[in-house]
């Protein structure tokens, strides 16, 4: 079979019980998996979590760069078991790599991959010998990135790139690597992979936030690396119906994205417990003041579910798992008791069925560090 014409159909998807109907997906890619590399990686089922009250001043909403660097070092050493932070980063990167740092800016300038966290990651990537010009901080939409101004925080030769120069532009996407699926009879049924991922990067570091999402339940490692690396993804949800349940894991499993995503650093300095991903209303923001580290995006997102659920319970909001019609509301006005979609937090377990990591809480080893 022509590798470019490789098909991955619904018959290959996992059966998890009382799950929503899964559409027929057609995956087209010439790339093959790199044995032993990528998701779920060498630390399957493991999550290192670092918390520090001194990481962020809530009154001024300002991060402490020095403490962030300490958290990065502590998290990487706890994840890998290395005594030296440089040795920990060197487990994933070498000087020959071309590194993409996938940030999340959909809630910028309030909620995003914090520039202090991203700058700290860049410093550590350079610390293992990767030249600054071989590092790219990237996101789909440059207008969102401009509100953060990552370039101000990193060395001049580090690249900062938005994929779509204009909304809907396709030049930044690989025409030969895509997922084809018809959700609602839409005209364009293809979602193409970011061209830099297939043609430039050898390694990707995923830097998501801790956010509720009105369709997917949460935006964590899986959604940031999936919806953030493919075109034409918002079509997956319409009216109250969302296909995020199966679409997120399917996109994340596509090569070479899966093999090249070698590490996730979840920025939980700030979080959103309702109204994500674009919500900028401070009353729905909270401050976990933590970071999570791992190679297993499923395990990390499973821990994220726990964090968001606990906060919603504290605020008296319905569970992310609530599927009752009484909580559906077509108005765009935010109300914690209502939502415009039936959320699909089950997308995390679905991704586990695709081999992207461990979902069972009993199998996940959480290593907690307090600074």
Protein backbone atom coordinates (compact mmCIF):
# COMPACT_ATOMS: atom_id res chain seq x y z
CA UNK A 1 0.00 0.00 0.00
CA UNK A 2 1.17 3.53 -0.79
CA UNK A 3 2.20 4.97 2.59
CA UNK A 4 0.74 8.33 1.63
CA UNK A 5 -2.58 6.62 1.11
CA UNK A 6 -2.60 4.84 4.44
CA UNK A 7 -6.09 4.70 5.90
CA UNK A 8 -7.05 4.62 9.54
CA UNK A 9 -10.76 3.93 9.79
CA UNK A 10 -13.29 3.64 12.56
CA UNK A 11 -12.63 -0.11 12.83
CA UNK A 12 -9.25 0.71 14.32
CA UNK A 13 -10.63 2.96 17.05
CA UNK A 14 -10.98 1.80 20.66
CA UNK A 15 -14.22 0.61 22.19
CA UNK A 16 -14.64 2.10 25.63
CA UNK A 17 -18.25 1.29 26.46
CA UNK A 18 -20.97 3.94 26.46
CA UNK A 19 -19.11 6.33 24.18
CA UNK A 20 -20.52 8.69 21.52
CA UNK A 21 -20.63 7.55 17.92
CA UNK A 22 -17.22 7.81 16.25
CA UNK A 23 -17.07 9.11 12.66
CA UNK A 24 -14.99 7.38 9.99
CA UNK A 25 -11.55 8.99 9.93
CA UNK A 26 -9.11 8.78 7.04
CA UNK A 27 -5.52 9.55 8.00
CA UNK A 28 -3.12 10.35 5.16
CA UNK A 29 0.60 10.53 5.96
CA UNK A 30 3.86 9.30 4.47
CA UNK A 31 5.57 9.36 7.86
CA UNK A 32 6.19 6.34 10.05
CA UNK A 33 6.52 6.13 13.82
CA UNK A 34 9.98 6.54 15.31
CA UNK A 35 10.45 3.52 17.62
CA UNK A 36 10.81 4.55 21.25
CA UNK A 37 10.19 8.24 20.60
CA UNK A 38 7.19 10.49 21.17
CA UNK A 39 3.87 9.99 22.95
CA UNK A 40 3.43 8.29 25.41
CA UNK A 41 7.21 8.30 25.73
CA UNK A 42 9.63 6.80 28.25
CA UNK A 43 7.66 8.00 31.29
CA UNK A 44 4.30 6.48 30.49
CA UNK A 45 1.83 6.81 33.34
CA UNK A 46 4.04 9.26 35.23
CA UNK A 47 3.39 12.91 36.07
CA UNK A 48 5.73 15.20 37.97
CA UNK A 49 3.89 18.10 39.59
CA UNK A 50 5.62 21.13 41.13
CA UNK A 51 3.72 23.66 43.24
CA UNK A 52 5.06 26.96 44.56
CA UNK A 53 3.07 29.68 46.29
CA UNK A 54 5.83 32.11 45.33
CA UNK A 55 5.48 31.42 41.60
CA UNK A 56 2.90 34.14 40.99
CA UNK A 57 1.56 37.26 42.69
CA UNK A 58 -2.22 37.02 42.38
CA UNK A 59 -2.83 40.72 43.14
CA UNK A 60 -0.67 41.87 40.24
CA UNK A 61 -1.09 38.67 38.15
CA UNK A 62 2.70 38.64 37.75
CA UNK A 63 4.87 35.54 37.55
CA UNK A 64 8.20 35.26 39.37
CA UNK A 65 10.80 34.32 36.70
CA UNK A 66 13.37 33.06 39.20
CA UNK A 67 10.86 30.78 40.90
CA UNK A 68 9.59 29.55 37.53
CA UNK A 69 13.15 28.49 36.65
CA UNK A 70 13.37 26.62 39.95
CA UNK A 71 10.09 24.86 39.16
CA UNK A 72 11.33 23.85 35.71
CA UNK A 73 14.50 22.38 37.17
CA UNK A 74 12.67 20.57 39.97
CA UNK A 75 10.02 19.14 37.66
CA UNK A 76 12.45 17.82 35.08
CA UNK A 77 14.67 16.23 37.71
CA UNK A 78 11.67 14.63 39.43
CA UNK A 79 10.35 13.27 36.13
CA UNK A 80 13.63 11.78 34.94
CA UNK A 81 15.37 10.95 38.20
CA UNK A 82 18.42 12.94 37.18
CA UNK A 83 20.32 15.01 39.74
CA UNK A 84 21.24 17.73 37.28
CA UNK A 85 18.58 19.63 35.33
CA UNK A 86 20.75 19.80 32.22
CA UNK A 87 21.04 16.01 32.17
CA UNK A 88 17.26 15.79 32.48
CA UNK A 89 16.69 17.98 29.42
CA UNK A 90 19.43 16.13 27.52
CA UNK A 91 17.34 12.95 27.77
CA UNK A 92 14.98 14.49 25.22
CA UNK A 93 17.13 16.80 23.10
CA UNK A 94 20.52 16.99 21.41
CA UNK A 95 22.39 19.89 19.75
CA UNK A 96 21.41 18.56 16.31
CA UNK A 97 17.68 18.88 16.95
CA UNK A 98 15.40 21.50 15.48
CA UNK A 99 12.96 22.22 18.28
CA UNK A 100 9.39 23.48 18.12
CA UNK A 101 7.81 24.83 21.30
CA UNK A 102 4.03 24.58 20.90
CA UNK A 103 2.45 27.28 23.05
CA UNK A 104 -1.21 28.01 23.71
CA UNK A 105 -2.34 31.62 23.18
CA UNK A 106 -6.09 31.25 22.66
CA UNK A 107 -6.83 33.11 25.91
CA UNK A 108 -4.04 35.67 25.55
CA UNK A 109 -3.15 38.15 26.87
CA UNK A 110 -4.68 36.91 30.14
CA UNK A 111 -4.40 33.12 29.92
CA UNK A 112 -1.65 31.65 27.76
CA UNK A 113 1.60 29.73 27.96
CA UNK A 114 3.32 32.21 30.25
CA UNK A 115 6.30 33.97 28.66
CA UNK A 116 8.32 33.32 31.83
CA UNK A 117 7.70 29.57 31.45
CA UNK A 118 8.46 29.61 27.73
CA UNK A 119 11.63 31.66 28.27
CA UNK A 120 12.75 29.17 30.91
CA UNK A 121 12.18 26.28 28.52
CA UNK A 122 14.15 28.05 25.78
CA UNK A 123 17.03 28.63 28.21
CA UNK A 124 17.13 24.92 29.06
CA UNK A 125 16.89 23.85 25.41
CA UNK A 126 19.86 26.09 24.62
CA UNK A 127 21.58 24.68 27.70
CA UNK A 128 21.89 21.28 26.04
CA UNK A 129 23.53 22.86 23.00
CA UNK A 130 20.62 23.65 20.66
CA UNK A 131 21.40 26.92 18.85
CA UNK A 132 18.75 29.66 19.24
CA UNK A 133 18.08 29.79 15.50
CA UNK A 134 17.10 26.10 15.68
CA UNK A 135 14.30 26.88 18.17
CA UNK A 136 10.83 28.06 17.16
CA UNK A 137 8.02 29.15 19.49
CA UNK A 138 4.87 28.62 17.46
CA UNK A 139 1.09 28.76 17.45
CA UNK A 140 -1.54 28.74 14.72
CA UNK A 141 -2.61 32.36 14.96
CA UNK A 142 0.03 35.14 14.96
CA UNK A 143 -2.41 37.80 16.19
CA UNK A 144 -2.84 35.86 19.43
CA UNK A 145 0.92 35.45 19.80
CA UNK A 146 1.51 39.16 19.26
CA UNK A 147 -0.44 39.99 22.41
CA UNK A 148 2.10 37.97 24.42
CA UNK A 149 5.27 39.17 22.65
CA UNK A 150 7.42 36.11 23.37
CA UNK A 151 10.29 37.65 21.43
CA UNK A 152 10.84 40.14 24.25
CA UNK A 153 11.65 37.32 26.67
CA UNK A 154 14.01 35.13 24.63
CA UNK A 155 17.31 35.60 22.74
CA UNK A 156 17.00 37.49 19.46
CA UNK A 157 17.76 34.53 17.19
CA UNK A 158 14.96 32.37 18.59
CA UNK A 159 12.12 32.19 16.05
CA UNK A 160 8.56 33.18 16.96
CA UNK A 161 6.11 32.05 14.29
CA UNK A 162 2.40 32.03 13.63
CA UNK A 163 1.20 29.45 11.10
CA UNK A 164 -1.64 31.42 9.50
CA UNK A 165 -0.45 34.83 8.31
CA UNK A 166 -4.10 35.55 7.62
CA UNK A 167 -6.97 33.57 9.16
CA UNK A 168 -7.75 30.62 6.92
CA UNK A 169 -4.47 30.80 4.97
CA UNK A 170 -3.30 27.31 4.00
CA UNK A 171 0.34 27.88 2.95
CA UNK A 172 1.55 27.00 6.46
CA UNK A 173 -0.01 23.53 6.32
CA UNK A 174 1.27 20.32 4.72
CA UNK A 175 -1.04 19.39 1.80
CA UNK A 176 0.08 15.75 1.96
CA UNK A 177 -0.48 15.10 5.67
CA UNK A 178 -4.05 15.36 6.88
CA UNK A 179 -7.09 13.81 8.52
CA UNK A 180 -10.22 13.63 6.44
CA UNK A 181 -13.65 13.32 8.07
CA UNK A 182 -17.14 14.64 7.41
CA UNK A 183 -18.81 15.78 10.64
CA UNK A 184 -21.82 17.85 9.60
CA UNK A 185 -21.72 17.87 5.80
CA UNK A 186 -19.20 20.74 5.76
CA UNK A 187 -17.58 21.70 2.44
CA UNK A 188 -13.98 21.32 3.63
CA UNK A 189 -13.53 17.91 5.26
CA UNK A 190 -9.74 17.97 5.64
CA UNK A 191 -7.57 19.09 8.54
CA UNK A 192 -3.94 19.46 7.49
CA UNK A 193 -0.87 19.24 9.71
CA UNK A 194 1.27 22.32 10.34
CA UNK A 195 4.03 22.31 7.74
CA UNK A 196 6.80 23.14 10.25
CA UNK A 197 5.93 19.96 12.16
CA UNK A 198 6.35 17.70 9.15
CA UNK A 199 9.12 19.54 7.32
CA UNK A 200 11.24 21.32 9.93
CA UNK A 201 11.04 20.17 13.54
CA UNK A 202 12.75 17.04 14.81
CA UNK A 203 11.44 17.46 18.38
CA UNK A 204 8.42 19.27 19.86
CA UNK A 205 7.86 20.47 23.42
CA UNK A 206 4.17 20.89 24.21
CA UNK A 207 3.30 23.78 26.58
CA UNK A 208 -0.45 23.74 27.36
CA UNK A 209 -2.40 25.51 30.10
CA UNK A 210 -4.89 24.33 32.74
CA UNK A 211 -8.19 25.31 31.14
CA UNK A 212 -11.78 24.18 30.98
CA UNK A 213 -13.08 23.89 27.43
CA UNK A 214 -16.75 24.22 26.55
CA UNK A 215 -16.64 21.44 23.96
CA UNK A 216 -13.77 19.13 24.98
CA UNK A 217 -14.11 19.51 28.74
CA UNK A 218 -10.52 20.62 29.20
CA UNK A 219 -7.74 22.05 27.10
CA UNK A 220 -4.60 20.24 28.16
CA UNK A 221 -1.76 18.36 26.51
CA UNK A 222 -3.86 16.45 24.00
CA UNK A 223 -6.00 19.30 22.73
CA UNK A 224 -3.10 21.76 22.55
CA UNK A 225 -0.99 19.41 20.45
CA UNK A 226 -3.94 18.23 18.31
CA UNK A 227 -6.11 21.26 17.59
CA UNK A 228 -3.05 23.49 17.75
CA UNK A 229 -1.23 21.63 14.98
CA UNK A 230 -3.97 21.11 12.40
CA UNK A 231 -6.10 23.39 10.25
CA UNK A 232 -9.88 23.50 10.08
CA UNK A 233 -10.57 21.97 13.49
CA UNK A 234 -13.36 24.18 14.89
CA UNK A 235 -15.76 22.46 12.48
CA UNK A 236 -15.83 19.51 14.90
CA UNK A 237 -18.52 21.16 17.07
CA UNK A 238 -21.78 22.69 15.99
CA UNK A 239 -24.85 23.63 18.02
CA UNK A 240 -24.72 21.36 21.10
CA UNK A 241 -22.92 18.49 19.34
CA UNK A 242 -19.15 18.07 19.52
CA UNK A 243 -16.88 15.45 17.96
CA UNK A 244 -13.98 16.38 20.22
CA UNK A 245 -14.42 12.99 21.90
CA UNK A 246 -12.65 11.18 19.07
CA UNK A 247 -11.15 13.97 16.95
CA UNK A 248 -8.57 15.15 19.49
CA UNK A 249 -6.92 11.76 19.99
CA UNK A 250 -7.10 10.97 16.30
CA UNK A 251 -5.22 14.15 15.38
CA UNK A 252 -2.64 13.66 18.15
CA UNK A 253 -1.90 10.14 16.89
CA UNK A 254 -0.93 11.28 13.38
CA UNK A 255 2.71 10.89 12.38
CA UNK A 256 5.08 12.66 12.52
CA UNK A 257 3.35 14.75 15.22
CA UNK A 258 3.09 11.80 17.59
CA UNK A 259 6.74 10.76 17.37
CA UNK A 260 8.16 14.28 17.45
CA UNK A 261 6.25 15.40 20.55
CA UNK A 262 8.74 14.22 23.16
CA UNK A 263 7.86 16.30 26.23
CA UNK A 264 4.96 18.22 27.76
CA UNK A 265 5.32 21.03 30.28
CA UNK A 266 1.88 22.09 31.50
CA UNK A 267 1.77 25.71 32.64
CA UNK A 268 -0.61 25.83 35.60
CA UNK A 269 0.44 29.14 37.07
CA UNK A 270 -2.99 30.39 36.03
CA UNK A 271 -6.08 28.43 35.04
CA UNK A 272 -9.64 28.79 33.73
CA UNK A 273 -12.44 26.82 35.39
CA UNK A 274 -15.30 27.94 33.12
CA UNK A 275 -15.84 29.57 29.73
CA UNK A 276 -12.71 28.36 27.98
CA UNK A 277 -10.81 28.57 25.76
CA UNK A 278 -11.17 32.28 24.97
CA UNK A 279 -12.54 33.53 28.28
CA UNK A 280 -10.72 36.57 29.66
CA UNK A 281 -13.12 37.24 32.55
CA UNK A 282 -11.10 37.28 35.77
CA UNK A 283 -13.92 35.80 37.84
CA UNK A 284 -13.48 32.49 36.00
CA UNK A 285 -9.73 32.49 36.47
CA UNK A 286 -7.91 30.70 39.28
CA UNK A 287 -4.31 30.25 40.29
CA UNK A 288 -3.07 26.69 40.81
CA UNK A 289 0.53 28.00 40.86
CA UNK A 290 1.77 24.65 39.61
CA UNK A 291 3.43 23.02 36.64
CA UNK A 292 3.19 19.43 35.41
CA UNK A 293 5.85 17.51 33.49
CA UNK A 294 5.63 14.30 31.50
CA UNK A 295 5.83 12.44 28.23
CA UNK A 296 2.38 10.85 28.62
CA UNK A 297 -0.29 13.38 27.56
CA UNK A 298 -3.13 11.14 28.68
CA UNK A 299 -1.85 10.79 32.24
CA UNK A 300 -1.17 14.53 32.44
CA UNK A 301 -4.66 15.41 31.19
CA UNK A 302 -6.19 12.89 33.59
CA UNK A 303 -4.56 14.84 36.41
CA UNK A 304 -5.79 18.09 34.85
CA UNK A 305 -9.37 16.77 34.98
CA UNK A 306 -8.97 16.32 38.72
CA UNK A 307 -7.80 19.93 39.13
CA UNK A 308 -10.60 21.48 37.06
CA UNK A 309 -13.31 19.26 38.57
CA UNK A 310 -12.22 20.17 42.09
CA UNK A 311 -12.35 23.88 41.28
CA UNK A 312 -15.77 23.63 39.64
CA UNK A 313 -17.11 21.73 42.65
CA UNK A 314 -15.74 24.43 44.92
CA UNK A 315 -17.55 27.07 42.83
CA UNK A 316 -20.83 25.12 42.77
CA UNK A 317 -20.67 24.54 38.99
CA UNK A 318 -21.85 21.33 37.28
CA UNK A 319 -19.35 18.58 36.62
CA UNK A 320 -17.50 18.47 33.31
CA UNK A 321 -19.18 15.09 32.87
CA UNK A 322 -22.70 16.50 33.16
CA UNK A 323 -24.69 15.72 30.00
CA UNK A 324 -28.15 16.95 31.06
CA UNK A 325 -30.11 19.16 28.66
CA UNK A 326 -31.04 21.53 31.49
CA UNK A 327 -27.47 22.87 31.52
CA UNK A 328 -27.38 23.60 27.79
CA UNK A 329 -27.79 27.25 26.87
CA UNK A 330 -27.37 28.74 23.43
CA UNK A 331 -26.59 32.22 24.73
CA UNK A 332 -22.94 33.23 24.55
CA UNK A 333 -23.32 35.00 27.88
CA UNK A 334 -21.24 33.13 30.43
CA UNK A 335 -23.00 31.34 33.27
CA UNK A 336 -21.27 28.57 35.26
CA UNK A 337 -24.55 26.65 35.42
CA UNK A 338 -24.83 26.47 31.63
CA UNK A 339 -22.77 25.55 28.61
CA UNK A 340 -23.27 25.78 24.86
CA UNK A 341 -22.01 22.23 24.13
CA UNK A 342 -22.28 18.81 25.69
CA UNK A 343 -18.70 18.53 26.90
CA UNK A 344 -16.61 15.49 26.00
CA UNK A 345 -13.93 15.01 28.69
CA UNK A 346 -13.99 11.37 27.60
CA UNK A 347 -11.62 12.38 24.79
CA UNK A 348 -8.78 11.67 27.21
CA UNK A 349 -9.79 8.05 27.75
CA UNK A 350 -10.40 7.69 24.01
CA UNK A 351 -6.82 8.82 23.36
CA UNK A 352 -5.64 6.18 25.81
CA UNK A 353 -7.38 3.61 23.65
CA UNK A 354 -5.25 4.80 20.74
CA UNK A 355 -2.12 4.02 22.75
CA UNK A 356 -1.24 7.62 23.60
CA UNK A 357 -0.94 6.98 27.33
CA UNK A 358 -2.47 5.69 30.57
CA UNK A 359 -5.87 6.90 31.75
CA UNK A 360 -6.54 4.59 34.69
CA UNK A 361 -5.93 6.66 37.83
CA UNK A 362 -4.65 3.54 39.58
CA UNK A 363 -1.87 3.22 37.01
CA UNK A 364 -0.73 6.84 37.12
CA UNK A 365 2.17 7.71 39.37
CA UNK A 366 2.00 11.32 40.52
CA UNK A 367 5.26 12.73 41.89
CA UNK A 368 4.54 15.92 43.82
CA UNK A 369 7.15 18.55 44.71
CA UNK A 370 6.58 21.61 46.90
CA UNK A 371 8.90 24.62 46.54
